[in-house]
C-alpha atoms as a PDB file:
ATOM      1  CA  MET A   1     -13.458  -3.345 -15.294  1.00  0.00           C
ATOM      2  CA  VAL A   2     -16.931  -3.575 -14.458  1.00  0.00           C
ATOM      3  CA  GLY A   3     -17.341  -7.110 -13.303  1.00  0.00           C
ATOM      4  CA  THR A   4     -20.770  -7.737 -12.236  1.00  0.00           C
ATOM      5  CA  GLU A   5     -24.678  -7.106 -13.618  1.00  0.00           C
ATOM      6  CA  GLU A   6     -25.045  -5.117 -10.468  1.00  0.00           C
ATOM      7  CA  GLU A   7     -22.457  -2.485 -11.361  1.00  0.00           C
ATOM      8  CA  ALA A   8     -23.173  -2.476 -15.080  1.00  0.00           C
ATOM      9  CA  GLY A   9     -26.297  -1.178 -14.112  1.00  0.00           C
ATOM     10  CA  ARG A  10     -25.006   1.601 -11.747  1.00  0.00           C
ATOM     11  CA  THR A  11     -22.570   2.389 -14.643  1.00  0.00           C
ATOM     12  CA  ALA A  12     -24.855   2.759 -17.366  1.00  0.00           C
ATOM     13  CA  GLY A  13     -26.223   5.983 -18.694  1.00  0.00           C
ATOM     14  CA  VAL A  14     -24.648   9.635 -19.548  1.00  0.00           C
ATOM     15  CA  SER A  15     -23.860  10.071 -15.341  1.00  0.00           C
ATOM     16  CA  GLY A  16     -22.586   6.526 -15.003  1.00  0.00           C
ATOM     17  CA  ARG A  17     -20.496   6.801 -18.137  1.00  0.00           C
ATOM     18  CA  ALA A  18     -19.418   9.776 -16.980  1.00  0.00           C
ATOM     19  CA  ALA A  19     -18.359   8.824 -13.318  1.00  0.00           C
ATOM     20  CA  ARG A  20     -16.502   6.166 -14.915  1.00  0.00           C
ATOM     21  CA  TRP A  21     -14.027   8.494 -16.847  1.00  0.00           C
ATOM     22  CA  VAL A  22     -13.641  10.947 -14.162  1.00  0.00           C
ATOM     23  CA  THR A  23     -12.763   7.853 -11.923  1.00  0.00           C
ATOM     24  CA  GLU A  24     -10.172   7.162 -14.513  1.00  0.00           C
ATOM     25  CA  ILE A  25      -8.845  10.320 -15.052  1.00  0.00           C
ATOM     26  CA  PHE A  26      -8.448  11.403 -11.547  1.00  0.00           C
ATOM     27  CA  ALA A  27      -7.251   7.710 -10.318  1.00  0.00           C
ATOM     28  CA  PRO A  28      -4.875   8.416  -7.452  1.00  0.00           C
ATOM     29  CA  GLN A  29      -1.747   6.475  -9.466  1.00  0.00           C
ATOM     30  CA  VAL A  30      -2.326   8.891 -12.269  1.00  0.00           C
ATOM     31  CA  LEU A  31      -2.284  12.192 -10.215  1.00  0.00           C
ATOM     32  CA  VAL A  32       0.729  10.654  -8.329  1.00  0.00           C
ATOM     33  CA  ILE A  33       2.763  10.075 -11.496  1.00  0.00           C
ATOM     34  CA  ALA A  34       1.782  13.137 -13.160  1.00  0.00           C
ATOM     35  CA  LEU A  35       2.355  15.650  -9.979  1.00  0.00           C
ATOM     36  CA  PRO A  36       5.764  15.460  -9.023  1.00  0.00           C
ATOM     37  CA  PRO A  37       7.119  16.306 -12.916  1.00  0.00           C
ATOM     38  CA  VAL A  38       4.935  19.493 -13.006  1.00  0.00           C
ATOM     39  CA  VAL A  39       5.831  20.712 -10.020  1.00  0.00           C
ATOM     40  CA  GLY A  40       9.026  20.313 -10.314  1.00  0.00           C
ATOM     41  CA  LEU A  41       9.089  21.955 -13.738  1.00  0.00           C
ATOM     42  CA  VAL A  42       7.065  25.152 -12.532  1.00  0.00           C
ATOM     43  CA  SER A  43       9.307  25.639  -9.541  1.00  0.00           C
ATOM     44  CA  ASP A  44      12.886  24.745 -11.043  1.00  0.00           C
ATOM     45  CA  GLY A  45      12.466  24.503 -14.801  1.00  0.00           C
ATOM     46  CA  ARG A  46      14.099  21.596 -16.625  1.00  0.00           C
ATOM     47  CA  PRO A  47      16.328  20.436 -13.537  1.00  0.00           C
ATOM     48  CA  GLY A  48      13.081  20.244 -11.276  1.00  0.00           C
ATOM     49  CA  PHE A  49      11.310  18.539 -14.102  1.00  0.00           C
ATOM     50  CA  TRP A  50      13.984  15.764 -14.004  1.00  0.00           C
ATOM     51  CA  TRP A  51      13.700  15.423 -10.283  1.00  0.00           C
ATOM     52  CA  GLY A  52      10.134  15.238 -10.465  1.00  0.00           C
ATOM     53  CA  LEU A  53      10.106  12.400 -12.915  1.00  0.00           C
ATOM     54  CA  VAL A  54      12.365  10.219 -10.722  1.00  0.00           C
ATOM     55  CA  ALA A  55       9.765  11.051  -7.786  1.00  0.00           C
ATOM     56  CA  SER A  56       7.044  10.117 -10.404  1.00  0.00           C
ATOM     57  CA  LEU A  57       8.406   6.708 -11.379  1.00  0.00           C
ATOM     58  CA  LEU A  58       9.151   5.616  -7.823  1.00  0.00           C
ATOM     59  CA  CYS A  59       5.762   7.338  -5.529  1.00  0.00           C
ATOM     60  CA  GLY A  60       3.213   6.089  -8.429  1.00  0.00           C
ATOM     61  CA  GLY A  61       4.977   3.722 -10.982  1.00  0.00           C
ATOM     62  CA  VAL A  62       6.177   1.076  -8.391  1.00  0.00           C
ATOM     63  CA  PRO A  63       2.922   0.626  -6.908  1.00  0.00           C
ATOM     64  CA  ALA A  64       0.980   0.926 -10.474  1.00  0.00           C
ATOM     65  CA  SER A  65       3.311  -2.279 -11.572  1.00  0.00           C
ATOM     66  CA  VAL A  66       2.321  -3.736  -8.373  1.00  0.00           C
ATOM     67  CA  ILE A  67      -1.283  -3.016  -8.591  1.00  0.00           C
ATOM     68  CA  ALA A  68      -1.312  -3.923 -12.349  1.00  0.00           C
ATOM     69  CA  LEU A  69       0.384  -7.559 -11.710  1.00  0.00           C
ATOM     70  CA  GLY A  70      -2.283  -8.207  -8.947  1.00  0.00           C
ATOM     71  CA  VAL A  71      -4.996  -7.155 -11.284  1.00  0.00           C
ATOM     72  CA  ARG A  72      -3.597  -9.591 -14.331  1.00  0.00           C
ATOM     73  CA  ALA A  73      -3.007 -12.226 -11.342  1.00  0.00           C
ATOM     74  CA  GLY A  74      -6.522 -11.740 -10.458  1.00  0.00           C
ATOM     75  CA  ARG A  75      -5.824 -11.102  -6.758  1.00  0.00           C
ATOM     76  CA  LEU A  76      -7.177  -7.449  -7.294  1.00  0.00           C
ATOM     77  CA  ASP A  77     -10.636  -6.341  -8.785  1.00  0.00           C
ATOM     78  CA  SER A  78      -9.140  -3.421 -10.828  1.00  0.00           C
ATOM     79  CA  ARG A  79      -6.523  -0.781  -9.949  1.00  0.00           C
ATOM     80  CA  HIS A  80      -9.025   1.215  -7.907  1.00  0.00           C
ATOM     81  CA  ILE A  81      -9.148  -1.507  -5.531  1.00  0.00           C
ATOM     82  CA  VAL A  82     -12.684  -1.558  -4.832  1.00  0.00           C
ATOM     83  CA  ASP A  83     -12.472  -4.581  -2.192  1.00  0.00           C
ATOM     84  CA  ARG A  84     -11.124  -2.784   0.946  1.00  0.00           C
ATOM     85  CA  SER A  85      -9.821  -6.494   1.977  1.00  0.00           C
ATOM     86  CA  ARG A  86      -7.120  -5.957  -0.481  1.00  0.00           C
ATOM     87  CA  ARG A  87      -5.852  -2.912  -0.218  1.00  0.00           C
ATOM     88  CA  THR A  88      -3.437  -3.714   2.612  1.00  0.00           C
ATOM     89  CA  VAL A  89      -0.525  -5.241   0.207  1.00  0.00           C
ATOM     90  CA  PRO A  90      -0.422  -2.339  -2.343  1.00  0.00           C
ATOM     91  CA  LEU A  91      -0.956   0.082   0.291  1.00  0.00           C
ATOM     92  CA  LEU A  92       2.175  -1.058   2.364  1.00  0.00           C
ATOM     93  CA  VAL A  93       4.181  -1.186  -0.981  1.00  0.00           C
ATOM     94  CA  ALA A  94       2.786   2.526  -1.750  1.00  0.00           C
ATOM     95  CA  VAL A  95       4.012   3.684   1.702  1.00  0.00           C
ATOM     96  CA  GLY A  96       7.560   2.002   1.232  1.00  0.00           C
ATOM     97  CA  ALA A  97       8.057   3.285  -2.094  1.00  0.00           C
ATOM     98  CA  VAL A  98       7.143   6.881  -1.034  1.00  0.00           C
ATOM     99  CA  LEU A  99       9.122   6.766   2.212  1.00  0.00           C
ATOM    100  CA  ALA A 100      12.074   5.567  -0.474  1.00  0.00           C
ATOM    101  CA  THR A 101      11.547   8.556  -2.433  1.00  0.00           C
ATOM    102  CA  LEU A 102      11.325  10.900   0.086  1.00  0.00           C
ATOM    103  CA  VAL A 103      14.706   9.968   1.457  1.00  0.00           C
ATOM    104  CA  LEU A 104      16.062   9.554  -1.616  1.00  0.00           C
ATOM    105  CA  LEU A 105      15.402  13.174  -2.940  1.00  0.00           C
ATOM    106  CA  ALA A 106      16.454  14.651   0.292  1.00  0.00           C
ATOM    107  CA  VAL A 107      19.807  12.971   0.552  1.00  0.00           C
ATOM    108  CA  LEU A 108      20.460  13.938  -2.713  1.00  0.00           C
ATOM    109  CA  GLY A 109      19.335  17.568  -2.485  1.00  0.00           C
ATOM    110  CA  ALA A 110      16.406  17.508  -4.633  1.00  0.00           C
ATOM    111  CA  PRO A 111      14.567  20.474  -4.852  1.00  0.00           C
ATOM    112  CA  ARG A 112      12.382  21.848  -1.241  1.00  0.00           C
ATOM    113  CA  LEU A 113       9.260  22.155  -2.949  1.00  0.00           C
ATOM    114  CA  LEU A 114       9.671  18.645  -4.464  1.00  0.00           C
ATOM    115  CA  VAL A 115      10.840  17.182  -1.438  1.00  0.00           C
ATOM    116  CA  ALA A 116       7.972  18.485   0.415  1.00  0.00           C
ATOM    117  CA  THR A 117       5.465  17.342  -2.149  1.00  0.00           C
ATOM    118  CA  VAL A 118       6.761  13.753  -1.744  1.00  0.00           C
ATOM    119  CA  GLY A 119       6.065  14.261   2.096  1.00  0.00           C
ATOM    120  CA  ALA A 120       2.631  15.425   1.812  1.00  0.00           C
ATOM    121  CA  MET A 121       2.074  12.044  -0.245  1.00  0.00           C
ATOM    122  CA  LEU A 122       3.149  10.317   2.854  1.00  0.00           C
ATOM    123  CA  ALA A 123       1.658  12.131   5.301  1.00  0.00           C
ATOM    124  CA  GLY A 124      -1.496  11.696   3.120  1.00  0.00           C
ATOM    125  CA  LEU A 125      -0.943   7.688   3.242  1.00  0.00           C
ATOM    126  CA  ALA A 126       0.140   7.927   7.302  1.00  0.00           C
ATOM    127  CA  VAL A 127      -3.561   9.102   7.857  1.00  0.00           C
ATOM    128  CA  THR A 128      -5.315   7.399   5.047  1.00  0.00           C
ATOM    129  CA  VAL A 129      -3.911   3.442   5.171  1.00  0.00           C
ATOM    130  CA  PRO A 130      -4.651   2.945   9.201  1.00  0.00           C
ATOM    131  CA  VAL A 131      -8.254   3.993   8.510  1.00  0.00           C
ATOM    132  CA  THR A 132      -9.086   2.377   5.219  1.00  0.00           C
ATOM    133  CA  LEU A 133      -8.038  -1.073   7.385  1.00  0.00           C
ATOM    134  CA  ARG A 134     -11.108  -0.688   9.427  1.00  0.00           C
ATOM    135  CA  TRP A 135     -13.345   1.925   7.273  1.00  0.00           C
ATOM    136  CA  LYS A 136     -13.478   2.524   2.979  1.00  0.00           C
ATOM    137  CA  ILE A 137     -11.869   5.901   3.103  1.00  0.00           C
ATOM    138  CA  SER A 138     -11.731   7.192  -0.642  1.00  0.00           C
ATOM    139  CA  PHE A 139      -8.230   7.281  -1.580  1.00  0.00           C
ATOM    140  CA  HIS A 140      -9.492   9.412  -5.076  1.00  0.00           C
ATOM    141  CA  ALA A 141     -10.734  12.233  -2.727  1.00  0.00           C
ATOM    142  CA  ALA A 142      -7.828  12.435  -0.614  1.00  0.00           C
ATOM    143  CA  VAL A 143      -5.515  12.221  -3.471  1.00  0.00           C
ATOM    144  CA  SER A 144      -6.930  14.581  -5.733  1.00  0.00           C
ATOM    145  CA  ALA A 145      -7.632  17.236  -2.663  1.00  0.00           C
ATOM    146  CA  GLY A 146      -3.637  16.637  -1.524  1.00  0.00           C
ATOM    147  CA  THR A 147      -2.954  17.581  -5.298  1.00  0.00           C
ATOM    148  CA  VAL A 148      -4.879  20.710  -5.268  1.00  0.00           C
ATOM    149  CA  LEU A 149      -3.345  22.507  -2.374  1.00  0.00           C
ATOM    150  CA  VAL A 150       0.088  21.167  -3.683  1.00  0.00           C
ATOM    151  CA  LEU A 151      -0.251  22.694  -7.029  1.00  0.00           C
ATOM    152  CA  ALA A 152      -2.009  26.294  -5.296  1.00  0.00           C
ATOM    153  CA  ARG A 153       2.072  26.606  -4.143  1.00  0.00           C
ATOM    154  CA  VAL A 154       3.127  26.984  -7.811  1.00  0.00           C
ATOM    155  CA  LEU A 155       0.208  27.934  -9.752  1.00  0.00           C
ATOM    156  CA  PRO A 156      -1.789  31.397  -8.782  1.00  0.00           C
ATOM    157  CA  ALA A 157      -3.643  30.295  -5.566  1.00  0.00           C
ATOM    158  CA  ALA A 158      -7.211  31.851  -5.984  1.00  0.00           C
ATOM    159  CA  PRO A 159      -7.658  30.556  -9.425  1.00  0.00           C
ATOM    160  CA  THR A 160      -6.398  26.683  -8.588  1.00  0.00           C
ATOM    161  CA  LEU A 161      -7.573  26.585  -5.185  1.00  0.00           C
ATOM    162  CA  ALA A 162     -11.142  27.210  -6.911  1.00  0.00           C
ATOM    163  CA  ALA A 163     -10.850  25.162 -10.040  1.00  0.00           C
ATOM    164  CA  GLY A 164      -9.400  22.519  -7.473  1.00  0.00           C
ATOM    165  CA  ALA A 165     -12.246  22.360  -5.339  1.00  0.00           C
ATOM    166  CA  ALA A 166     -14.650  22.018  -8.158  1.00  0.00           C
ATOM    167  CA  VAL A 167     -12.628  18.914  -9.394  1.00  0.00           C
ATOM    168  CA  VAL A 168     -12.523  17.608  -6.260  1.00  0.00           C
ATOM    169  CA  ALA A 169     -16.333  17.554  -5.911  1.00  0.00           C
ATOM    170  CA  VAL A 170     -16.705  16.197  -9.301  1.00  0.00           C
ATOM    171  CA  VAL A 171     -14.570  13.356  -7.905  1.00  0.00           C
ATOM    172  CA  CYS A 172     -16.088  12.645  -4.676  1.00  0.00           C
ATOM    173  CA  TRP A 173     -19.530  12.634  -6.943  1.00  0.00           C
ATOM    174  CA  ALA A 174     -18.152   9.906  -9.344  1.00  0.00           C
ATOM    175  CA  ARG A 175     -17.193   7.513  -6.431  1.00  0.00           C
ATOM    176  CA  VAL A 176     -20.372   8.118  -4.999  1.00  0.00           C
ATOM    177  CA  ARG A 177     -22.333   7.577  -8.057  1.00  0.00           C
ATOM    178  CA  LEU A 178     -20.313   4.512  -8.794  1.00  0.00           C
ATOM    179  CA  ALA A 179     -21.445   3.404  -5.199  1.00  0.00           C
ATOM    180  CA  HIS A 180     -17.571   2.775  -4.443  1.00  0.00           C
ATOM    181  CA  HIS A 181     -18.023   5.177  -1.282  1.00  0.00           C
ATOM    182  CA  THR A 182     -20.830   6.816   0.845  1.00  0.00           C
ATOM    183  CA  VAL A 183     -20.664  10.449   0.971  1.00  0.00           C
ATOM    184  CA  PRO A 184     -18.962  10.694   4.522  1.00  0.00           C
ATOM    185  CA  GLN A 185     -15.906   8.306   3.042  1.00  0.00           C
ATOM    186  CA  VAL A 186     -15.489  10.649  -0.034  1.00  0.00           C
ATOM    187  CA  ALA A 187     -16.164  13.978   2.959  1.00  0.00           C
ATOM    188  CA  ALA A 188     -13.258  12.228   4.998  1.00  0.00           C
ATOM    189  CA  GLY A 189     -11.013  11.148   2.060  1.00  0.00           C
ATOM    190  CA  ALA A 190     -10.997  14.716   0.718  1.00  0.00           C
ATOM    191  CA  LEU A 191     -10.612  16.497   4.305  1.00  0.00           C
ATOM    192  CA  ALA A 192      -7.657  14.079   5.282  1.00  0.00           C
ATOM    193  CA  GLY A 193      -5.775  14.749   1.746  1.00  0.00           C
ATOM    194  CA  ALA A 194      -6.048  18.245   2.211  1.00  0.00           C
ATOM    195  CA  ALA A 195      -5.487  18.583   5.847  1.00  0.00           C
ATOM    196  CA  SER A 196      -2.346  16.408   5.743  1.00  0.00           C
ATOM    197  CA  SER A 197      -0.824  18.407   2.618  1.00  0.00           C
ATOM    198  CA  ALA A 198      -1.440  21.691   4.147  1.00  0.00           C
ATOM    199  CA  ALA A 199       0.176  20.693   7.507  1.00  0.00           C
ATOM    200  CA  VAL A 200       3.690  19.184   5.448  1.00  0.00           C
ATOM    201  CA  LEU A 201       3.699  21.956   3.164  1.00  0.00           C
ATOM    202  CA  ALA A 202       3.530  24.313   6.222  1.00  0.00           C
ATOM    203  CA  LEU A 203       6.275  22.459   7.912  1.00  0.00           C
ATOM    204  CA  PHE A 204       8.529  22.668   4.957  1.00  0.00           C
ATOM    205  CA  GLY A 205       7.952  26.450   5.139  1.00  0.00           C
ATOM    206  CA  VAL A 206       6.803  26.282   1.271  1.00  0.00           C
END
């Protein structure tokens, strides 16, 4: 993934390698794919898990496939799309996939919390996509912060929020350490992700 000597220099050493691992483990695609089945399973058992799996395949799998094809074809630098100018098409695909999933789950009567989770994803995109067209807001920070808010609805809230805040802070550090974002960009991403998720969850009353 590291394509230049400059990037190699930034990611050298223990802290650089740690930042790369954090970036990969908590990549937006990973969290979007992993979150719905967890939410579904904890909140509604096995039926909820299957609903969550459908949501994860559509919300995460479709955009991830488009990005993977773009990377293979050389149109994208990596699955993290460091080059902001290349983000538009993959993000529009993500918006379309999440919107279609939201409609599908709502019409077919999926668990309310799972529908709210997908709604939170859409709200996060609605805030961050217009911003990233002009300024490189961090999707890693936004998605990780939104994920913490959702998980706090199905897991013990206080420890989940405390541990989640630490994880979001580490994710923000990693993005800055790799020089893929500035401190204001990760802070704005975390705020946007948390605020949009909180608003949607409150709207759904979950």
